Amino acid sequence: TGQQSDVKGFQTNLFASYAINDSSYILLQPQFQ
């Protein structure tokens, strides 16, 4: 409709990485906003 709204809030993240060896890795990244 063209109506403009203000956006306010917060966000939390946890970035986790695990090196299997020097040529491969796995990652896990949960987030809540």
All heavy atoms as atom14 arrays in JSON, in Angstrom:
{
  "sequence": "TGQQSDVKGFQTNLFASYAINDSSYILLQPQFQ",
  "atom14_mask": [
    [1, 1, 1, 1, 1, 1, 1, 0, 0, 0, 0, 0, 0, 0],
    [1, 1, 1, 1, 0, 0, 0, 0, 0, 0, 0, 0, 0, 0],
    [1, 1, 1, 1, 1, 1, 1, 1, 1, 0, 0, 0, 0, 0],
    [1, 1, 1, 1, 1, 1, 1, 1, 1, 0, 0, 0, 0, 0],
    [1, 1, 1, 1, 1, 1, 0, 0, 0, 0, 0, 0, 0, 0],
    [1, 1, 1, 1, 1, 1, 1, 1, 0, 0, 0, 0, 0, 0],
    [1, 1, 1, 1, 1, 1, 1, 0, 0, 0, 0, 0, 0, 0],
    [1, 1, 1, 1, 1, 1, 1, 1, 1, 0, 0, 0, 0, 0],
    [1, 1, 1, 1, 0, 0, 0, 0, 0, 0, 0, 0, 0, 0],
    [1, 1, 1, 1, 1, 1, 1, 1, 1, 1, 1, 0, 0, 0],
    [1, 1, 1, 1, 1, 1, 1, 1, 1, 0, 0, 0, 0, 0],
    [1, 1, 1, 1, 1, 1, 1, 0, 0, 0, 0, 0, 0, 0],
    [1, 1, 1, 1, 1, 1, 1, 1, 0, 0, 0, 0, 0, 0],
    [1, 1, 1, 1, 1, 1, 1, 1, 0, 0, 0, 0, 0, 0],
    [1, 1, 1, 1, 1, 1, 1, 1, 1, 1, 1, 0, 0, 0],
    [1, 1, 1, 1, 1, 0, 0, 0, 0, 0, 0, 0, 0, 0],
    [1, 1, 1, 1, 1, 1, 0, 0, 0, 0, 0, 0, 0, 0],
    [1, 1, 1, 1, 1, 1, 1, 1, 1, 1, 1, 1, 0, 0],
    [1, 1, 1, 1, 1, 0, 0, 0, 0, 0, 0, 0, 0, 0],
    [1, 1, 1, 1, 1, 1, 1, 1, 0, 0, 0, 0, 0, 0],
    [1, 1, 1, 1, 1, 1, 1, 1, 0, 0, 0, 0, 0, 0],
    [1, 1, 1, 1, 1, 1, 1, 1, 0, 0, 0, 0, 0, 0],
    [1, 1, 1, 1, 1, 1, 0, 0, 0, 0, 0, 0, 0, 0],
    [1, 1, 1, 1, 1, 1, 0, 0, 0, 0, 0, 0, 0, 0],
    [1, 1, 1, 1, 1, 1, 1, 1, 1, 1, 1, 1, 0, 0],
    [1, 1, 1, 1, 1, 1, 1, 1, 0, 0, 0, 0, 0, 0],
    [1, 1, 1, 1, 1, 1, 1, 1, 0, 0, 0, 0, 0, 0],
    [1, 1, 1, 1, 1, 1, 1, 1, 0, 0, 0, 0, 0, 0],
    [1, 1, 1, 1, 1, 1, 1, 1, 1, 0, 0, 0, 0, 0],
    [1, 1, 1, 1, 1, 1, 1, 0, 0, 0, 0, 0, 0, 0],
    [1, 1, 1, 1, 1, 1, 1, 1, 1, 0, 0, 0, 0, 0],
    [1, 1, 1, 1, 1, 1, 1, 1, 1, 1, 1, 0, 0, 0],
    [1, 1, 1, 1, 1, 1, 1, 1, 1, 0, 0, 0, 0, 0]
  ],
  "atom14_positions": [
    [[0.81, -1.21, 0.0], [0.0, 0.0, 0.0], [0.85, 1.27, 0.0], [0.32, 2.37, -0.09], [-0.92, 0.03, 1.24], [-0.11, 0.04, 2.43], [-1.82, -1.2, 1.26], [0.0, 0.0, 0.0], [0.0, 0.0, 0.0], [0.0, 0.0, 0.0], [0.0, 0.0, 0.0], [0.0, 0.0, 0.0], [0.0, 0.0, 0.0], [0.0, 0.0, 0.0]],
    [[2.17, 1.11, 0.12], [3.05, 2.27, 0.2], [3.24, 2.77, 1.61], [4.01, 3.72, 1.84], [0.0, 0.0, 0.0], [0.0, 0.0, 0.0], [0.0, 0.0, 0.0], [0.0, 0.0, 0.0], [0.0, 0.0, 0.0], [0.0, 0.0, 0.0], [0.0, 0.0, 0.0], [0.0, 0.0, 0.0], [0.0, 0.0, 0.0], [0.0, 0.0, 0.0]],
    [[2.57, 2.17, 2.59], [2.7, 2.57, 3.98], [4.06, 2.17, 4.53], [4.48, 1.02, 4.38], [1.59, 1.94, 4.81], [1.64, 2.25, 6.29], [1.43, 3.72, 6.57], [0.6, 4.35, 5.92], [2.16, 4.27, 7.52], [0.0, 0.0, 0.0], [0.0, 0.0, 0.0], [0.0, 0.0, 0.0], [0.0, 0.0, 0.0], [0.0, 0.0, 0.0]],
    [[4.75, 3.11, 5.16], [6.08, 2.83, 5.7], [6.0, 2.53, 7.18], [5.27, 3.18, 7.93], [7.01, 4.02, 5.46], [8.44, 3.77, 5.9], [9.38, 4.84, 5.38], [9.81, 4.8, 4.23], [9.72, 5.8, 6.24], [0.0, 0.0, 0.0], [0.0, 0.0, 0.0], [0.0, 0.0, 0.0], [0.0, 0.0, 0.0], [0.0, 0.0, 0.0]],
    [[6.76, 1.52, 7.62], [6.79, 1.11, 9.02], [8.21, 1.14, 9.55], [9.17, 0.91, 8.8], [6.22, -0.31, 9.18], [4.88, -0.38, 8.74], [0.0, 0.0, 0.0], [0.0, 0.0, 0.0], [0.0, 0.0, 0.0], [0.0, 0.0, 0.0], [0.0, 0.0, 0.0], [0.0, 0.0, 0.0], [0.0, 0.0, 0.0], [0.0, 0.0, 0.0]],
    [[8.34, 1.43, 10.84], [9.63, 1.36, 11.51], [9.89, -0.07, 11.95], [8.97, -0.79, 12.37], [9.66, 2.28, 12.73], [9.57, 3.75, 12.35], [10.12, 4.12, 11.3], [8.93, 4.52, 13.09], [0.0, 0.0, 0.0], [0.0, 0.0, 0.0], [0.0, 0.0, 0.0], [0.0, 0.0, 0.0], [0.0, 0.0, 0.0], [0.0, 0.0, 0.0]],
    [[11.13, -0.5, 11.89], [11.53, -1.84, 12.3], [12.56, -1.71, 13.43], [13.57, -1.03, 13.27], [12.15, -2.63, 11.13], [12.56, -4.03, 11.58], [11.17, -2.73, 9.97], [0.0, 0.0, 0.0], [0.0, 0.0, 0.0], [0.0, 0.0, 0.0], [0.0, 0.0, 0.0], [0.0, 0.0, 0.0], [0.0, 0.0, 0.0], [0.0, 0.0, 0.0]],
    [[12.29, -2.36, 14.56], [13.22, -2.36, 15.68], [13.22, -3.74, 16.34], [12.18, -4.39, 16.41], [12.84, -1.31, 16.72], [12.97, 0.13, 16.24], [12.62, 1.11, 17.35], [12.78, 2.54, 16.86], [12.45, 3.52, 17.92], [0.0, 0.0, 0.0], [0.0, 0.0, 0.0], [0.0, 0.0, 0.0], [0.0, 0.0, 0.0], [0.0, 0.0, 0.0]],
    [[14.37, -4.17, 16.82], [14.44, -5.46, 17.48], [15.86, -5.86, 17.81], [16.77, -5.03, 17.86], [0.0, 0.0, 0.0], [0.0, 0.0, 0.0], [0.0, 0.0, 0.0], [0.0, 0.0, 0.0], [0.0, 0.0, 0.0], [0.0, 0.0, 0.0], [0.0, 0.0, 0.0], [0.0, 0.0, 0.0], [0.0, 0.0, 0.0], [0.0, 0.0, 0.0]],
    [[16.07, -7.15, 17.99], [17.4, -7.67, 18.31], [17.6, -9.01, 17.63], [16.66, -9.65, 17.15], [17.58, -7.82, 19.82], [16.8, -8.96, 20.42], [17.37, -10.22, 20.55], [15.49, -8.77, 20.84], [16.65, -11.28, 21.09], [14.76, -9.83, 21.37], [15.34, -11.08, 21.5], [0.0, 0.0, 0.0], [0.0, 0.0, 0.0], [0.0, 0.0, 0.0]],
    [[18.85, -9.44, 17.64], [19.22, -10.69, 16.97], [20.35, -11.35, 17.75], [21.26, -10.67, 18.23], [19.68, -10.36, 15.54], [20.16, -11.54, 14.73], [20.77, -11.07, 13.42], [21.98, -11.1, 13.26], [19.94, -10.61, 12.49], [0.0, 0.0, 0.0], [0.0, 0.0, 0.0], [0.0, 0.0, 0.0], [0.0, 0.0, 0.0], [0.0, 0.0, 0.0]],
    [[20.29, -12.66, 17.9], [21.36, -13.43, 18.53], [21.8, -14.53, 17.59], [20.97, -15.16, 16.91], [20.92, -14.04, 19.87], [19.81, -14.93, 19.64], [20.49, -12.95, 20.85], [0.0, 0.0, 0.0], [0.0, 0.0, 0.0], [0.0, 0.0, 0.0], [0.0, 0.0, 0.0], [0.0, 0.0, 0.0], [0.0, 0.0, 0.0], [0.0, 0.0, 0.0]],
    [[23.1, -14.77, 17.55], [23.67, -15.8, 16.68], [24.73, -16.59, 17.43], [25.35, -16.08, 18.37], [24.35, -15.17, 15.46], [23.43, -14.29, 14.65], [22.67, -14.76, 13.82], [23.49, -12.98, 14.89], [0.0, 0.0, 0.0], [0.0, 0.0, 0.0], [0.0, 0.0, 0.0], [0.0, 0.0, 0.0], [0.0, 0.0, 0.0], [0.0, 0.0, 0.0]],
    [[24.93, -17.81, 16.98], [26.06, -18.61, 17.45], [26.66, -19.28, 16.23], [26.03, -20.13, 15.59], [25.63, -19.67, 18.47], [26.78, -20.53, 19.01], [27.74, -19.65, 19.83], [26.25, -21.67, 19.87], [0.0, 0.0, 0.0], [0.0, 0.0, 0.0], [0.0, 0.0, 0.0], [0.0, 0.0, 0.0], [0.0, 0.0, 0.0], [0.0, 0.0, 0.0]],
    [[27.87, -18.87, 15.88], [28.57, -19.47, 14.75], [29.54, -20.52, 15.29], [30.42, -20.2, 16.08], [29.35, -18.4, 13.98], [28.53, -17.21, 13.58], [28.74, -15.99, 14.18], [27.54, -17.33, 12.63], [27.98, -14.88, 13.82], [26.77, -16.24, 12.26], [27.0, -15.01, 12.86], [0.0, 0.0, 0.0], [0.0, 0.0, 0.0], [0.0, 0.0, 0.0]],
    [[29.39, -21.75, 14.86], [30.26, -22.83, 15.32], [30.84, -23.55, 14.11], [30.12, -23.84, 13.14], [29.48, -23.82, 16.19], [0.0, 0.0, 0.0], [0.0, 0.0, 0.0], [0.0, 0.0, 0.0], [0.0, 0.0, 0.0], [0.0, 0.0, 0.0], [0.0, 0.0, 0.0], [0.0, 0.0, 0.0], [0.0, 0.0, 0.0], [0.0, 0.0, 0.0]],
    [[32.14, -23.84, 14.15], [32.79, -24.54, 13.04], [33.73, -25.61, 13.6], [34.36, -25.42, 14.64], [33.58, -23.57, 12.17], [34.65, -22.99, 12.91], [0.0, 0.0, 0.0], [0.0, 0.0, 0.0], [0.0, 0.0, 0.0], [0.0, 0.0, 0.0], [0.0, 0.0, 0.0], [0.0, 0.0, 0.0], [0.0, 0.0, 0.0], [0.0, 0.0, 0.0]],
    [[33.79, -26.72, 12.88], [34.65, -27.83, 13.29], [35.48, -28.27, 12.09], [34.95, -28.62, 11.03], [33.82, -29.0, 13.79], [34.66, -30.19, 14.21], [35.29, -30.21, 15.45], [34.83, -31.29, 13.36], [36.08, -31.29, 15.84], [35.61, -32.37, 13.74], [36.22, -32.37, 14.98], [37.0, -33.43, 15.36], [0.0, 0.0, 0.0], [0.0, 0.0, 0.0]],
    [[36.81, -28.22, 12.24], [37.73, -28.63, 11.18], [37.94, -30.14, 11.25], [38.54, -30.64, 12.2], [39.05, -27.89, 11.31], [0.0, 0.0, 0.0], [0.0, 0.0, 0.0], [0.0, 0.0, 0.0], [0.0, 0.0, 0.0], [0.0, 0.0, 0.0], [0.0, 0.0, 0.0], [0.0, 0.0, 0.0], [0.0, 0.0, 0.0], [0.0, 0.0, 0.0]],
    [[37.45, -30.86, 10.25], [37.67, -32.3, 10.18], [39.14, -32.59, 9.91], [39.76, -33.43, 10.56], [36.78, -32.93, 9.09], [35.3, -32.65, 9.39], [37.03, -34.42, 8.97], [34.37, -33.08, 8.27], [0.0, 0.0, 0.0], [0.0, 0.0, 0.0], [0.0, 0.0, 0.0], [0.0, 0.0, 0.0], [0.0, 0.0, 0.0], [0.0, 0.0, 0.0]],
    [[39.71, -31.85, 8.96], [41.14, -31.86, 8.66], [41.43, -30.55, 7.93], [40.58, -29.65, 7.92], [41.54, -33.1, 7.83], [40.62, -33.29, 6.63], [40.38, -32.35, 5.87], [40.11, -34.5, 6.45], [0.0, 0.0, 0.0], [0.0, 0.0, 0.0], [0.0, 0.0, 0.0], [0.0, 0.0, 0.0], [0.0, 0.0, 0.0], [0.0, 0.0, 0.0]],
    [[42.61, -30.42, 7.32], [42.94, -29.16, 6.67], [42.27, -29.0, 5.31], [42.48, -27.99, 4.63], [44.45, -29.0, 6.52], [45.06, -30.06, 5.61], [44.34, -31.0, 5.2], [46.27, -29.96, 5.32], [0.0, 0.0, 0.0], [0.0, 0.0, 0.0], [0.0, 0.0, 0.0], [0.0, 0.0, 0.0], [0.0, 0.0, 0.0], [0.0, 0.0, 0.0]],
    [[41.43, -29.98, 4.92], [40.77, -29.9, 3.62], [39.25, -30.01, 3.7], [38.58, -30.0, 2.66], [41.3, -31.01, 2.68], [42.68, -30.85, 2.45], [0.0, 0.0, 0.0], [0.0, 0.0, 0.0], [0.0, 0.0, 0.0], [0.0, 0.0, 0.0], [0.0, 0.0, 0.0], [0.0, 0.0, 0.0], [0.0, 0.0, 0.0], [0.0, 0.0, 0.0]],
    [[38.67, -30.09, 4.9], [37.21, -30.2, 5.02], [36.77, -29.72, 6.4], [37.54, -29.74, 7.36], [36.74, -31.63, 4.78], [37.34, -32.52, 5.7], [0.0, 0.0, 0.0], [0.0, 0.0, 0.0], [0.0, 0.0, 0.0], [0.0, 0.0, 0.0], [0.0, 0.0, 0.0], [0.0, 0.0, 0.0], [0.0, 0.0, 0.0], [0.0, 0.0, 0.0]],
    [[35.52, -29.31, 6.48], [34.97, -28.78, 7.72], [33.45, -28.94, 7.72], [32.82, -29.17, 6.68], [35.32, -27.29, 7.89], [34.71, -26.4, 6.83], [33.46, -25.81, 7.01], [35.38, -26.14, 5.63], [32.89, -25.0, 6.03], [34.83, -25.33, 4.66], [33.58, -24.75, 4.86], [33.03, -23.96, 3.9], [0.0, 0.0, 0.0], [0.0, 0.0, 0.0]],
    [[32.87, -28.82, 8.91], [31.42, -28.75, 9.05], [31.1, -27.5, 9.87], [31.93, -27.01, 10.64], [30.83, -30.01, 9.73], [31.47, -30.24, 11.1], [30.98, -31.22, 8.85], [30.87, -31.42, 11.85], [0.0, 0.0, 0.0], [0.0, 0.0, 0.0], [0.0, 0.0, 0.0], [0.0, 0.0, 0.0], [0.0, 0.0, 0.0], [0.0, 0.0, 0.0]],
    [[29.89, -26.97, 9.69], [29.5, -25.77, 10.41], [28.07, -25.89, 10.91], [27.24, -26.61, 10.36], [29.66, -24.53, 9.52], [28.89, -24.45, 8.2], [27.48, -23.89, 8.4], [29.64, -23.58, 7.2], [0.0, 0.0, 0.0], [0.0, 0.0, 0.0], [0.0, 0.0, 0.0], [0.0, 0.0, 0.0], [0.0, 0.0, 0.0], [0.0, 0.0, 0.0]],
    [[27.8, -25.15, 11.99], [26.47, -25.07, 12.59], [26.23, -23.63, 13.0], [27.04, -23.06, 13.75], [26.36, -26.0, 13.8], [25.05, -25.93, 14.6], [23.9, -26.47, 13.76], [25.17, -26.7, 15.9], [0.0, 0.0, 0.0], [0.0, 0.0, 0.0], [0.0, 0.0, 0.0], [0.0, 0.0, 0.0], [0.0, 0.0, 0.0], [0.0, 0.0, 0.0]],
    [[25.13, -23.03, 12.52], [24.88, -21.61, 12.76], [23.41, -21.37, 13.1], [22.6, -21.1, 12.23], [25.29, -20.78, 11.54], [26.77, -20.88, 11.22], [27.15, -20.13, 9.96], [26.3, -19.7, 9.19], [28.45, -19.97, 9.73], [0.0, 0.0, 0.0], [0.0, 0.0, 0.0], [0.0, 0.0, 0.0], [0.0, 0.0, 0.0], [0.0, 0.0, 0.0]],
    [[23.03, -21.47, 14.39], [21.66, -21.11, 14.79], [21.52, -19.61, 14.98], [22.48, -18.92, 15.35], [21.48, -21.86, 16.11], [22.87, -21.97, 16.66], [23.8, -22.06, 15.49], [0.0, 0.0, 0.0], [0.0, 0.0, 0.0], [0.0, 0.0, 0.0], [0.0, 0.0, 0.0], [0.0, 0.0, 0.0], [0.0, 0.0, 0.0], [0.0, 0.0, 0.0]],
    [[20.3, -19.11, 14.74], [20.03, -17.68, 14.87], [18.59, -17.47, 15.33], [17.67, -18.19, 14.91], [20.22, -16.96, 13.53], [19.9, -15.47, 13.56], [19.79, -14.88, 12.16], [18.77, -15.0, 11.5], [20.87, -14.26, 11.71], [0.0, 0.0, 0.0], [0.0, 0.0, 0.0], [0.0, 0.0, 0.0], [0.0, 0.0, 0.0], [0.0, 0.0, 0.0]],
    [[18.41, -16.49, 16.21], [17.06, -16.07, 16.61], [16.97, -14.56, 16.5], [17.87, -13.84, 16.93], [16.74, -16.49, 18.04], [15.39, -16.0, 18.5], [14.22, -16.62, 18.06], [15.28, -14.9, 19.35], [12.98, -16.15, 18.46], [14.04, -14.44, 19.76], [12.88, -15.07, 19.32], [0.0, 0.0, 0.0], [0.0, 0.0, 0.0], [0.0, 0.0, 0.0]],
    [[15.86, -14.09, 15.92], [15.64, -12.66, 15.74], [14.22, -12.29, 16.12], [13.27, -13.02, 15.79], [15.91, -12.23, 14.3], [15.65, -10.75, 14.05], [15.96, -10.35, 12.63], [17.09, -9.99, 12.31], [14.97, -10.43, 11.76], [0.0, 0.0, 0.0], [0.0, 0.0, 0.0], [0.0, 0.0, 0.0], [0.0, 0.0, 0.0], [0.0, 0.0, 0.0]]
  ]
}
